Amino acid sequence: MTLFRHKPALLSAFRRGDREALETVYRHYGRSIEVHLRLLARRSGARELAQAGVVEDLLQEAFLRAFSAPAREAYDGVREFGPYLKAIARNCFVDLLRTRRHERRLLCAESFVSVDQIQANDELPNTRLVLLEDYLTSLPPALRGVYEKRFEQGLSQGDACRMLALSRRSLRTLEEHLRRGFRKALVRKQLQPERLRSLHSES
């Protein structure tokens, strides 16, 4: 049963943004939303998003969205408020997950190339990211699994070996195969330093 059913005074205070009413809602639903966020982190494989500080930030963001004036005024007090909160929490989680994975891919695209391949050109990091995303779509399942565990989820070599049922030597071999494959993709797109230098000399 929703917290607000048969409690018109609480619903009215909530819609007004009354502090005591908001605290009542937070106390009532806070723990279940925290558990929900941790479950989302486990299911997604993003263990770093299950850390206490991250969960707390996500929890606060979810309630800030739910407690915004438009959200409070739109709630009718009849629908279950718990599922509504969980949907908001999930949206917060997905937004953060996408941001983290985007950041990881940027770092990964840089780590897959040597230092002398990174040029002083602001457009190249984004170009490398696009190439990496294209490259990942063509990977066979074994290599895709290595990428996801090691570079997207950030697992240690030991954890990745256990989850993928690989020896450390096999894992290192596959990681190097990933790097070589991406470097070859850069060559095919003519983004190697030699080509860039020739382009600069022509300008």
Protein backbone atom coordinates (compact mmCIF):
# COMPACT_ATOMS: atom_id res chain seq x y z
CA MET A 1 0.00 0.00 0.00
CA THR A 2 1.29 3.41 -0.90
CA LEU A 3 2.39 5.66 1.94
CA PHE A 4 -0.10 8.34 0.90
CA ARG A 5 -3.26 6.26 0.61
CA HIS A 6 -5.87 7.39 3.15
CA LYS A 7 -3.49 10.14 4.32
CA PRO A 8 -4.70 13.28 2.53
CA ALA A 9 -2.91 15.58 4.97
CA LEU A 10 0.46 13.94 4.23
CA LEU A 11 -0.21 14.05 0.49
CA SER A 12 -1.13 17.72 0.66
CA ALA A 13 1.99 18.53 2.70
CA PHE A 14 4.12 16.54 0.27
CA ARG A 15 2.76 18.44 -2.70
CA ARG A 16 3.55 21.72 -0.95
CA GLY A 17 7.11 20.57 -0.35
CA ASP A 18 6.72 20.54 3.42
CA ARG A 19 10.06 19.51 4.92
CA GLU A 20 8.61 17.13 7.48
CA ALA A 21 6.52 15.39 4.82
CA LEU A 22 9.53 15.01 2.54
CA GLU A 23 11.55 13.54 5.40
CA THR A 24 8.73 11.09 6.11
CA VAL A 25 8.77 9.91 2.49
CA TYR A 26 12.56 9.63 2.51
CA ARG A 27 12.60 7.54 5.69
CA HIS A 28 9.84 5.30 4.40
CA TYR A 29 11.37 4.53 0.99
CA GLY A 30 15.06 5.32 1.36
CA ARG A 31 16.27 1.87 2.36
CA SER A 32 14.39 0.04 -0.40
CA ILE A 33 15.70 2.44 -3.05
CA GLU A 34 19.25 1.98 -1.76
CA VAL A 35 18.86 -1.80 -2.07
CA HIS A 36 17.43 -1.34 -5.56
CA LEU A 37 20.45 0.70 -6.64
CA ARG A 38 22.89 -1.91 -5.33
CA LEU A 39 20.96 -4.60 -7.18
CA LEU A 40 21.19 -2.60 -10.41
CA ALA A 41 24.95 -2.29 -9.95
CA ARG A 42 25.35 -6.04 -9.46
CA ARG A 43 23.15 -6.92 -12.43
CA SER A 44 24.98 -4.53 -14.72
CA GLY A 45 28.39 -5.80 -13.67
CA ALA A 46 29.41 -2.26 -12.65
CA ARG A 47 30.69 -3.11 -9.19
CA GLU A 48 32.22 0.31 -8.71
CA LEU A 49 28.69 1.77 -8.78
CA ALA A 50 27.79 -0.37 -5.76
CA GLN A 51 30.28 1.50 -3.57
CA ALA A 52 28.73 3.28 -0.60
CA GLY A 53 29.59 6.79 -1.75
CA VAL A 54 28.27 6.24 -5.27
CA VAL A 55 25.04 4.67 -4.03
CA GLU A 56 24.52 7.56 -1.62
CA ASP A 57 24.96 10.08 -4.44
CA LEU A 58 22.53 8.17 -6.66
CA LEU A 59 20.03 7.91 -3.82
CA GLN A 60 20.16 11.65 -3.22
CA GLU A 61 19.78 12.36 -6.95
CA ALA A 62 16.75 10.07 -7.19
CA PHE A 63 14.98 11.78 -4.32
CA LEU A 64 15.91 15.23 -5.60
CA ARG A 65 14.17 14.38 -8.87
CA ALA A 66 11.17 12.86 -7.11
CA PHE A 67 10.91 15.84 -4.76
CA SER A 68 11.07 18.46 -7.51
CA ALA A 69 8.01 20.71 -7.68
CA PRO A 70 6.68 19.29 -10.99
CA ALA A 71 7.05 15.70 -9.75
CA ARG A 72 5.34 16.43 -6.42
CA GLU A 73 2.45 18.26 -8.02
CA ALA A 74 1.94 15.56 -10.66
CA TYR A 75 1.69 12.70 -8.17
CA ASP A 76 -1.95 11.76 -7.50
CA GLY A 77 -1.43 9.84 -4.25
CA VAL A 78 -3.21 6.76 -5.64
CA ARG A 79 -0.48 5.11 -7.67
CA GLU A 80 2.19 3.22 -5.77
CA PHE A 81 4.99 5.63 -4.97
CA GLY A 82 7.65 2.93 -4.49
CA PRO A 83 7.73 1.75 -8.13
CA TYR A 84 7.72 5.38 -9.25
CA LEU A 85 10.78 6.05 -7.10
CA LYS A 86 12.50 2.92 -8.38
CA ALA A 87 11.97 4.04 -11.95
CA ILE A 88 13.56 7.40 -11.16
CA ALA A 89 16.46 5.68 -9.36
CA ARG A 90 16.99 3.42 -12.36
CA ASN A 91 17.12 6.43 -14.69
CA CYS A 92 19.74 8.03 -12.42
CA PHE A 93 21.73 4.80 -12.42
CA VAL A 94 21.58 4.39 -16.21
CA ASP A 95 22.68 8.00 -16.75
CA LEU A 96 25.71 7.49 -14.51
CA LEU A 97 26.51 4.09 -16.03
CA ARG A 98 26.51 5.57 -19.54
CA THR A 99 28.77 8.41 -18.41
CA ARG A 100 31.22 6.05 -16.72
CA ARG A 101 31.34 3.70 -19.70
CA HIS A 102 31.86 6.62 -22.06
CA GLU A 103 34.76 7.82 -19.89
CA ARG A 104 36.21 4.30 -19.78
CA ARG A 105 36.07 4.04 -23.56
CA LEU A 106 37.84 7.36 -23.94
CA LEU A 107 40.60 6.15 -21.61
CA CYS A 108 40.68 2.80 -23.35
CA ALA A 109 41.03 4.39 -26.78
CA GLU A 110 44.02 6.34 -25.46
CA SER A 111 45.59 3.36 -23.67
CA PHE A 112 45.40 1.19 -26.78
CA VAL A 113 47.77 3.47 -28.68
CA SER A 114 51.36 4.42 -27.98
CA VAL A 115 52.34 7.85 -26.69
CA ASP A 116 53.74 8.94 -30.06
CA GLN A 117 50.38 8.20 -31.66
CA ILE A 118 48.62 10.81 -29.53
CA GLN A 119 48.85 14.10 -31.37
CA ALA A 120 48.16 17.63 -30.19
CA ASN A 121 44.83 17.77 -31.96
CA ASP A 122 41.59 18.17 -30.01
CA GLU A 123 39.55 16.27 -32.57
CA LEU A 124 41.58 13.05 -32.45
CA PRO A 125 40.43 11.68 -29.07
CA ASN A 126 36.81 11.76 -30.25
CA THR A 127 37.82 10.24 -33.57
CA ARG A 128 39.62 7.43 -31.78
CA LEU A 129 36.55 6.86 -29.64
CA VAL A 130 34.34 6.47 -32.71
CA LEU A 131 36.86 4.06 -34.20
CA LEU A 132 36.99 2.07 -30.98
CA GLU A 133 33.21 1.72 -30.91
CA ASP A 134 33.24 0.52 -34.53
CA TYR A 135 36.08 -1.87 -33.76
CA LEU A 136 34.25 -3.35 -30.76
CA THR A 137 31.18 -4.22 -32.82
CA SER A 138 33.30 -6.47 -35.04
CA LEU A 139 34.95 -8.43 -32.22
CA PRO A 140 34.31 -12.16 -31.77
CA PRO A 141 32.64 -13.14 -28.46
CA ALA A 142 35.90 -14.15 -26.74
CA LEU A 143 37.59 -10.81 -27.36
CA ARG A 144 34.42 -8.88 -26.61
CA GLY A 145 34.23 -10.65 -23.25
CA VAL A 146 37.81 -9.68 -22.42
CA TYR A 147 37.13 -6.07 -23.35
CA GLU A 148 33.95 -5.90 -21.26
CA LYS A 149 35.50 -7.46 -18.15
CA ARG A 150 38.88 -5.72 -18.24
CA PHE A 151 38.25 -2.36 -19.84
CA GLU A 152 34.53 -1.65 -19.51
CA GLN A 153 33.88 -3.12 -16.07
CA GLY A 154 37.43 -2.49 -14.86
CA LEU A 155 37.94 -5.92 -13.30
CA SER A 156 41.38 -7.04 -12.19
CA GLN A 157 43.16 -9.69 -14.24
CA GLY A 158 42.45 -12.25 -11.52
CA ASP A 159 38.72 -11.55 -11.42
CA ALA A 160 38.49 -11.45 -15.22
CA CYS A 161 40.31 -14.79 -15.49
CA ARG A 162 37.89 -16.40 -13.06
CA MET A 163 34.81 -15.04 -14.81
CA LEU A 164 36.07 -15.89 -18.30
CA ALA A 165 37.66 -19.23 -17.30
CA LEU A 166 41.02 -18.15 -18.75
CA SER A 167 44.60 -18.44 -17.57
CA ARG A 168 46.50 -15.20 -16.97
CA ARG A 169 48.70 -15.94 -19.98
CA SER A 170 45.65 -16.40 -22.21
CA LEU A 171 44.09 -13.22 -20.87
CA ARG A 172 47.24 -11.19 -21.51
CA THR A 173 47.46 -12.63 -25.03
CA LEU A 174 43.86 -11.65 -25.77
CA GLU A 175 44.39 -8.16 -24.33
CA GLU A 176 47.39 -7.65 -26.60
CA HIS A 177 45.32 -8.94 -29.51
CA LEU A 178 42.72 -6.27 -28.70
CA ARG A 179 45.36 -3.55 -28.69
CA ARG A 180 46.97 -4.71 -31.93
CA GLY A 181 43.59 -4.92 -33.62
CA PHE A 182 42.71 -1.37 -32.62
CA ARG A 183 46.08 -0.06 -33.79
CA LYS A 184 45.47 -1.72 -37.15
CA ALA A 185 42.09 0.01 -37.29
CA LEU A 186 43.88 3.32 -36.75
CA VAL A 187 46.27 2.52 -39.58
CA ARG A 188 43.39 1.71 -41.90
CA LYS A 189 41.83 5.07 -41.06
CA GLN A 190 45.19 6.79 -41.66
CA LEU A 191 45.43 8.25 -38.18
CA GLN A 192 49.01 7.16 -37.55
CA PRO A 193 51.59 9.89 -36.77
CA GLU A 194 53.32 9.47 -40.15
CA ARG A 195 50.12 10.29 -42.02
CA LEU A 196 49.33 13.18 -39.68
CA ARG A 197 52.76 14.69 -40.16
CA SER A 198 52.36 14.51 -43.92
CA LEU A 199 48.99 16.21 -43.66
CA HIS A 200 50.51 19.03 -41.59
CA SER A 201 53.35 19.45 -44.06
CA GLU A 202 50.87 19.75 -46.90
CA SER A 203 48.87 22.48 -45.17
